[in-house]
Amino acid sequence: MIAGIENVFGIHESALKIREARQSILANNLANVDTPNYQAQDLDFATALDALSSVDTEALSVSDRNHIAEDVMSFDSEISFRSPTQASLDGNTVDADREKAEFSKNALSHQATLTFMNHQIRTMLMAIRGE
């Protein structure tokens, strides 16, 4: 195997995982827009990226390498509740318009990360083929 191949995507691999987790949280907010007393949540990208980069996977002791992915990819400590912009009578703090905008912005960032990774793969394939 090529030396250093695991680092070819750099920070973009972590960014993609965080964007996926945030997309799930935002979708959950939108699904609960009419649920009484539901508190909107969000995942701060920068905080989650810092937390993910500070995880020492060498110190973890597991029986299988695939087990680390589930434990490390938990962003529960970085998830926070959103402050409502307008109080709701039923206690729900989800602003549907804001959630849709954040969902779209996150989807666009997710797609940009995928596009960058795709270009990295194409570049590697061209190098391997000698083009």
N, C-alpha and C. Protein backbone atom coordinates (compact mmCIF):
# COMPACT_ATOMS: atom_id res chain seq x y z
N MET A 1 0.84 -1.18 0.00
CA MET A 1 0.00 0.00 0.00
C MET A 1 0.88 1.24 0.00
N ILE A 2 0.42 2.29 -0.58
CA ILE A 2 1.16 3.54 -0.68
C ILE A 2 1.28 4.15 0.71
N ALA A 3 2.50 4.59 1.06
CA ALA A 3 2.73 5.20 2.37
C ALA A 3 1.96 6.51 2.46
N GLY A 4 1.23 6.70 3.56
CA GLY A 4 0.50 7.95 3.78
C GLY A 4 -0.83 8.04 3.07
N ILE A 5 -1.32 6.96 2.51
CA ILE A 5 -2.58 7.00 1.77
C ILE A 5 -3.75 7.36 2.68
N GLU A 6 -3.64 7.03 3.97
CA GLU A 6 -4.74 7.33 4.90
C GLU A 6 -4.88 8.83 5.13
N ASN A 7 -3.88 9.61 4.78
CA ASN A 7 -3.93 11.06 4.98
C ASN A 7 -4.22 11.84 3.71
N VAL A 8 -4.62 11.16 2.67
CA VAL A 8 -4.81 11.84 1.39
C VAL A 8 -5.95 12.86 1.44
N PHE A 9 -6.95 12.63 2.24
CA PHE A 9 -8.08 13.57 2.32
C PHE A 9 -7.90 14.60 3.42
N GLY A 10 -6.95 14.38 4.29
CA GLY A 10 -6.69 15.33 5.35
C GLY A 10 -7.90 15.58 6.22
N ILE A 11 -8.18 16.84 6.42
CA ILE A 11 -9.27 17.25 7.31
C ILE A 11 -10.64 17.04 6.67
N HIS A 12 -10.69 16.85 5.38
CA HIS A 12 -11.97 16.75 4.68
C HIS A 12 -12.75 15.50 5.05
N GLU A 13 -12.06 14.45 5.41
CA GLU A 13 -12.75 13.24 5.86
C GLU A 13 -13.51 13.52 7.15
N SER A 14 -12.86 14.20 8.08
CA SER A 14 -13.50 14.57 9.34
C SER A 14 -14.63 15.56 9.10
N ALA A 15 -14.40 16.52 8.21
CA ALA A 15 -15.43 17.51 7.91
C ALA A 15 -16.68 16.85 7.35
N LEU A 16 -16.50 15.87 6.52
CA LEU A 16 -17.64 15.16 5.94
C LEU A 16 -18.45 14.45 7.01
N LYS A 17 -17.78 13.82 7.95
CA LYS A 17 -18.47 13.13 9.04
C LYS A 17 -19.26 14.10 9.91
N ILE A 18 -18.68 15.26 10.17
CA ILE A 18 -19.36 16.26 10.98
C ILE A 18 -20.56 16.82 10.23
N ARG A 19 -20.40 17.10 8.95
CA ARG A 19 -21.52 17.60 8.14
C ARG A 19 -22.67 16.60 8.11
N GLU A 20 -22.35 15.32 8.02
CA GLU A 20 -23.39 14.29 8.03
C GLU A 20 -24.13 14.26 9.36
N ALA A 21 -23.39 14.37 10.46
CA ALA A 21 -24.02 14.38 11.79
C ALA A 21 -24.90 15.62 11.95
N ARG A 22 -24.43 16.77 11.47
CA ARG A 22 -25.21 18.00 11.59
C ARG A 22 -26.47 17.92 10.72
N GLN A 23 -26.36 17.32 9.55
CA GLN A 23 -27.52 17.19 8.68
C GLN A 23 -28.61 16.38 9.36
N SER A 24 -28.21 15.34 10.08
CA SER A 24 -29.15 14.51 10.81
C SER A 24 -29.84 15.30 11.92
N ILE A 25 -29.08 16.12 12.62
CA ILE A 25 -29.64 16.93 13.70
C ILE A 25 -30.64 17.95 13.15
N LEU A 26 -30.27 18.60 12.05
CA LEU A 26 -31.16 19.60 11.44
C LEU A 26 -32.43 18.95 10.90
N ALA A 27 -32.29 17.76 10.32
CA ALA A 27 -33.47 17.04 9.84
C ALA A 27 -34.39 16.66 11.00
N ASN A 28 -33.80 16.29 12.11
CA ASN A 28 -34.59 15.97 13.30
C ASN A 28 -35.34 17.20 13.80
N ASN A 29 -34.69 18.36 13.76
CA ASN A 29 -35.38 19.60 14.14
C ASN A 29 -36.57 19.86 13.24
N LEU A 30 -36.38 19.71 11.95
CA LEU A 30 -37.47 19.95 11.01
C LEU A 30 -38.61 18.95 11.20
N ALA A 31 -38.27 17.72 11.53
CA ALA A 31 -39.30 16.70 11.75
C ALA A 31 -40.12 16.99 13.00
N ASN A 32 -39.55 17.73 13.93
CA ASN A 32 -40.24 18.02 15.19
C ASN A 32 -40.71 19.46 15.29
N VAL A 33 -40.94 20.09 14.16
CA VAL A 33 -41.33 21.50 14.15
C VAL A 33 -42.66 21.73 14.87
N ASP A 34 -43.53 20.75 14.91
CA ASP A 34 -44.83 20.89 15.57
C ASP A 34 -44.94 20.12 16.88
N THR A 35 -43.86 19.60 17.37
CA THR A 35 -43.86 18.84 18.62
C THR A 35 -43.79 19.79 19.80
N PRO A 36 -44.80 19.76 20.69
CA PRO A 36 -44.76 20.66 21.85
C PRO A 36 -43.53 20.40 22.73
N ASN A 37 -42.95 21.48 23.23
CA ASN A 37 -41.79 21.47 24.13
C ASN A 37 -40.52 20.89 23.51
N TYR A 38 -40.49 20.71 22.19
CA TYR A 38 -39.26 20.23 21.56
C TYR A 38 -38.26 21.37 21.50
N GLN A 39 -37.02 21.09 21.89
CA GLN A 39 -35.95 22.09 21.90
C GLN A 39 -35.03 21.86 20.71
N ALA A 40 -34.94 22.86 19.84
CA ALA A 40 -34.08 22.76 18.65
C ALA A 40 -32.63 22.60 19.06
N GLN A 41 -31.92 21.75 18.35
CA GLN A 41 -30.51 21.49 18.63
C GLN A 41 -29.68 21.83 17.41
N ASP A 42 -28.39 22.01 17.63
CA ASP A 42 -27.46 22.26 16.53
C ASP A 42 -26.08 21.76 16.93
N LEU A 43 -25.26 21.56 15.94
CA LEU A 43 -23.89 21.10 16.13
C LEU A 43 -22.98 22.16 15.54
N ASP A 44 -22.13 22.75 16.38
CA ASP A 44 -21.19 23.75 15.92
C ASP A 44 -20.05 23.05 15.19
N PHE A 45 -19.87 23.38 13.93
CA PHE A 45 -18.89 22.70 13.08
C PHE A 45 -17.47 22.86 13.63
N ALA A 46 -17.08 24.08 13.97
CA ALA A 46 -15.71 24.34 14.43
C ALA A 46 -15.40 23.60 15.73
N THR A 47 -16.35 23.62 16.65
CA THR A 47 -16.15 22.93 17.93
C THR A 47 -16.03 21.43 17.73
N ALA A 48 -16.89 20.88 16.89
CA ALA A 48 -16.86 19.45 16.63
C ALA A 48 -15.57 19.04 15.92
N LEU A 49 -15.10 19.88 15.01
CA LEU A 49 -13.85 19.59 14.31
C LEU A 49 -12.67 19.61 15.27
N ASP A 50 -12.66 20.58 16.17
CA ASP A 50 -11.59 20.63 17.19
C ASP A 50 -11.64 19.39 18.08
N ALA A 51 -12.84 19.00 18.48
CA ALA A 51 -12.99 17.83 19.35
C ALA A 51 -12.55 16.56 18.63
N LEU A 52 -12.89 16.47 17.36
CA LEU A 52 -12.55 15.29 16.58
C LEU A 52 -11.05 15.20 16.34
N SER A 53 -10.41 16.33 16.10
CA SER A 53 -8.97 16.31 15.85
C SER A 53 -8.17 16.09 17.14
N SER A 54 -8.78 16.33 18.30
CA SER A 54 -8.06 16.15 19.56
C SER A 54 -8.21 14.75 20.13
N VAL A 55 -9.02 13.90 19.49
CA VAL A 55 -9.22 12.54 19.97
C VAL A 55 -7.96 11.73 19.71
N ASP A 56 -7.47 11.06 20.71
CA ASP A 56 -6.28 10.23 20.59
C ASP A 56 -6.73 8.79 20.36
N THR A 57 -6.80 8.38 19.09
CA THR A 57 -7.27 7.03 18.78
C THR A 57 -6.27 5.97 19.20
N GLU A 58 -5.01 6.35 19.38
CA GLU A 58 -4.00 5.39 19.82
C GLU A 58 -4.26 4.95 21.27
N ALA A 59 -4.82 5.87 22.09
CA ALA A 59 -5.04 5.56 23.49
C ALA A 59 -6.26 4.67 23.71
N LEU A 60 -7.14 4.60 22.72
CA LEU A 60 -8.34 3.78 22.86
C LEU A 60 -7.97 2.31 22.70
N SER A 61 -8.57 1.48 23.51
CA SER A 61 -8.30 0.06 23.44
C SER A 61 -9.58 -0.67 23.07
N VAL A 62 -9.61 -1.21 21.87
CA VAL A 62 -10.79 -1.94 21.40
C VAL A 62 -10.33 -3.22 20.72
N SER A 63 -11.25 -4.13 20.50
CA SER A 63 -10.89 -5.41 19.90
C SER A 63 -10.86 -5.36 18.37
N ASP A 64 -11.49 -4.33 17.79
CA ASP A 64 -11.56 -4.23 16.34
C ASP A 64 -11.45 -2.77 15.94
N ARG A 65 -10.74 -2.48 14.87
CA ARG A 65 -10.53 -1.11 14.43
C ARG A 65 -11.84 -0.41 14.09
N ASN A 66 -12.81 -1.14 13.57
CA ASN A 66 -14.09 -0.55 13.20
C ASN A 66 -14.88 -0.06 14.41
N HIS A 67 -14.60 -0.57 15.60
CA HIS A 67 -15.31 -0.12 16.79
C HIS A 67 -14.98 1.33 17.13
N ILE A 68 -13.80 1.77 16.80
CA ILE A 68 -13.39 3.13 17.11
C ILE A 68 -14.27 4.14 16.40
N ALA A 69 -14.63 3.88 15.17
CA ALA A 69 -15.41 4.83 14.40
C ALA A 69 -16.70 5.21 15.10
N GLU A 70 -17.40 4.27 15.68
CA GLU A 70 -18.64 4.57 16.37
C GLU A 70 -18.41 5.38 17.64
N ASP A 71 -17.42 5.02 18.41
CA ASP A 71 -17.16 5.71 19.66
C ASP A 71 -16.63 7.12 19.43
N VAL A 72 -15.73 7.29 18.48
CA VAL A 72 -15.11 8.58 18.22
C VAL A 72 -16.09 9.53 17.52
N MET A 73 -16.98 9.01 16.71
CA MET A 73 -17.87 9.84 15.94
C MET A 73 -19.10 10.31 16.70
N SER A 74 -19.14 10.14 17.98
CA SER A 74 -20.24 10.64 18.79
C SER A 74 -19.98 12.10 19.10
N PHE A 75 -20.89 12.96 18.63
CA PHE A 75 -20.74 14.40 18.84
C PHE A 75 -21.69 14.90 19.92
N ASP A 76 -22.11 14.02 20.82
CA ASP A 76 -23.09 14.39 21.83
C ASP A 76 -22.64 15.59 22.67
N SER A 77 -21.37 15.67 22.99
CA SER A 77 -20.91 16.76 23.84
C SER A 77 -20.85 18.10 23.10
N GLU A 78 -20.84 18.08 21.77
CA GLU A 78 -20.80 19.31 20.99
C GLU A 78 -22.18 19.79 20.56
N ILE A 79 -23.21 18.99 20.80
CA ILE A 79 -24.57 19.37 20.43
C ILE A 79 -25.11 20.32 21.49
N SER A 80 -25.66 21.44 21.03
CA SER A 80 -26.22 22.41 21.97
C SER A 80 -27.64 22.77 21.56
N PHE A 81 -28.37 23.33 22.49
CA PHE A 81 -29.73 23.77 22.21
C PHE A 81 -29.67 25.18 21.64
N ARG A 82 -30.55 25.45 20.69
CA ARG A 82 -30.61 26.77 20.08
C ARG A 82 -31.46 27.71 20.92
N SER A 83 -31.03 28.95 20.96
CA SER A 83 -31.85 29.97 21.61
C SER A 83 -32.94 30.39 20.63
N PRO A 84 -34.20 30.36 21.07
CA PRO A 84 -35.28 30.72 20.16
C PRO A 84 -35.27 32.20 19.81
N THR A 85 -35.58 32.52 18.56
CA THR A 85 -35.67 33.91 18.14
C THR A 85 -37.02 34.50 18.51
N GLN A 86 -38.03 33.64 18.58
CA GLN A 86 -39.36 34.08 18.97
C GLN A 86 -39.98 33.00 19.84
N ALA A 87 -40.48 33.38 20.98
CA ALA A 87 -41.06 32.41 21.89
C ALA A 87 -42.32 31.78 21.31
N SER A 88 -42.48 30.49 21.57
CA SER A 88 -43.64 29.76 21.11
C SER A 88 -44.52 29.43 22.31
N LEU A 89 -45.82 29.45 22.11
CA LEU A 89 -46.74 29.16 23.21
C LEU A 89 -46.65 27.72 23.69
N ASP A 90 -46.32 26.80 22.79
CA ASP A 90 -46.25 25.38 23.18
C ASP A 90 -44.85 24.96 23.65
N GLY A 91 -43.90 25.90 23.73
CA GLY A 91 -42.57 25.60 24.22
C GLY A 91 -41.60 25.08 23.16
N ASN A 92 -42.04 24.97 21.92
CA ASN A 92 -41.20 24.50 20.83
C ASN A 92 -40.28 25.63 20.39
N THR A 93 -38.98 25.35 20.24
CA THR A 93 -38.02 26.39 19.85
C THR A 93 -37.55 26.26 18.40
N VAL A 94 -38.20 25.42 17.61
CA VAL A 94 -37.78 25.24 16.22
C VAL A 94 -38.36 26.34 15.35
N ASP A 95 -37.50 27.05 14.64
CA ASP A 95 -37.90 28.04 13.64
C ASP A 95 -37.73 27.37 12.28
N ALA A 96 -38.83 26.99 11.66
CA ALA A 96 -38.78 26.20 10.41
C ALA A 96 -37.96 26.89 9.32
N ASP A 97 -38.12 28.20 9.17
CA ASP A 97 -37.37 28.91 8.13
C ASP A 97 -35.87 28.88 8.40
N ARG A 98 -35.49 29.08 9.64
CA ARG A 98 -34.07 29.05 10.00
C ARG A 98 -33.50 27.64 9.80
N GLU A 99 -34.26 26.63 10.20
CA GLU A 99 -33.81 25.24 10.04
C GLU A 99 -33.62 24.88 8.57
N LYS A 100 -34.55 25.31 7.73
CA LYS A 100 -34.43 25.04 6.29
C LYS A 100 -33.21 25.72 5.70
N ALA A 101 -32.96 26.96 6.14
CA ALA A 101 -31.79 27.69 5.64
C ALA A 101 -30.49 27.01 6.10
N GLU A 102 -30.43 26.61 7.37
CA GLU A 102 -29.24 25.92 7.89
C GLU A 102 -29.06 24.56 7.22
N PHE A 103 -30.18 23.87 6.98
CA PHE A 103 -30.13 22.57 6.31
C PHE A 103 -29.55 22.73 4.90
N SER A 104 -30.03 23.74 4.17
CA SER A 104 -29.53 23.99 2.81
C SER A 104 -28.06 24.38 2.81
N LYS A 105 -27.68 25.25 3.74
CA LYS A 105 -26.28 25.68 3.83
C LYS A 105 -25.37 24.50 4.15
N ASN A 106 -25.81 23.66 5.07
CA ASN A 106 -25.02 22.49 5.44
C ASN A 106 -24.93 21.50 4.27
N ALA A 107 -26.03 21.33 3.55
CA ALA A 107 -26.02 20.43 2.38
C ALA A 107 -25.05 20.94 1.31
N LEU A 108 -25.00 22.25 1.13
CA LEU A 108 -24.08 22.84 0.16
C LEU A 108 -22.63 22.62 0.59
N SER A 109 -22.35 22.79 1.86
CA SER A 109 -21.00 22.55 2.38
C SER A 109 -20.63 21.08 2.27
N HIS A 110 -21.59 20.21 2.52
CA HIS A 110 -21.38 18.76 2.39
C HIS A 110 -21.02 18.41 0.95
N GLN A 111 -21.76 18.99 0.01
CA GLN A 111 -21.49 18.74 -1.41
C GLN A 111 -20.13 19.28 -1.83
N ALA A 112 -19.75 20.44 -1.30
CA ALA A 112 -18.44 21.01 -1.62
C ALA A 112 -17.32 20.10 -1.12
N THR A 113 -17.49 19.54 0.06
CA THR A 113 -16.49 18.61 0.60
C THR A 113 -16.40 17.36 -0.25
N LEU A 114 -17.54 16.83 -0.67
CA LEU A 114 -17.55 15.65 -1.54
C LEU A 114 -16.88 15.95 -2.88
N THR A 115 -17.13 17.12 -3.42
CA THR A 115 -16.51 17.52 -4.69
C THR A 115 -15.00 17.60 -4.55
N PHE A 116 -14.53 18.18 -3.46
CA PHE A 116 -13.08 18.26 -3.23
C PHE A 116 -12.48 16.87 -3.12
N MET A 117 -13.13 15.99 -2.37
CA MET A 117 -12.62 14.64 -2.21
C MET A 117 -12.62 13.89 -3.55
N ASN A 118 -13.63 14.13 -4.35
CA ASN A 118 -13.70 13.51 -5.68
C ASN A 118 -12.53 13.97 -6.55
N HIS A 119 -12.19 15.25 -6.47
CA HIS A 119 -11.04 15.76 -7.23
C HIS A 119 -9.73 15.14 -6.73
N GLN A 120 -9.63 14.93 -5.42
CA GLN A 120 -8.45 14.29 -4.87
C GLN A 120 -8.31 12.86 -5.41
N ILE A 121 -9.41 12.14 -5.48
CA ILE A 121 -9.40 10.77 -6.00
C ILE A 121 -9.01 10.76 -7.47
N ARG A 122 -9.57 11.68 -8.24
CA ARG A 122 -9.22 11.77 -9.67
C ARG A 122 -7.73 12.06 -9.86
N THR A 123 -7.21 12.96 -9.03
CA THR A 123 -5.80 13.30 -9.12
C THR A 123 -4.93 12.08 -8.81
N MET A 124 -5.31 11.32 -7.79
CA MET A 124 -4.57 10.11 -7.44
C MET A 124 -4.63 9.08 -8.56
N LEU A 125 -5.81 8.92 -9.15
CA LEU A 125 -5.94 7.96 -10.25
C LEU A 125 -5.09 8.37 -11.45
N MET A 126 -5.04 9.67 -11.73
CA MET A 126 -4.20 10.14 -12.84
C MET A 126 -2.72 9.88 -12.56
N ALA A 127 -2.33 10.06 -11.31
CA ALA A 127 -0.94 9.81 -10.92
C ALA A 127 -0.60 8.33 -11.02
N ILE A 128 -1.53 7.49 -10.61
CA ILE A 128 -1.30 6.04 -10.68
C ILE A 128 -1.20 5.57 -12.11
N ARG A 129 -2.07 6.11 -12.95
CA ARG A 129 -2.06 5.72 -14.38
C ARG A 129 -0.91 6.36 -15.15
N GLY A 130 -0.31 7.39 -14.58
CA GLY A 130 0.81 8.07 -15.25
C GLY A 130 0.34 9.04 -16.31
N GLU A 131 -0.82 9.59 -16.14
CA GLU A 131 -1.37 10.55 -17.14
C GLU A 131 -0.86 11.94 -16.92
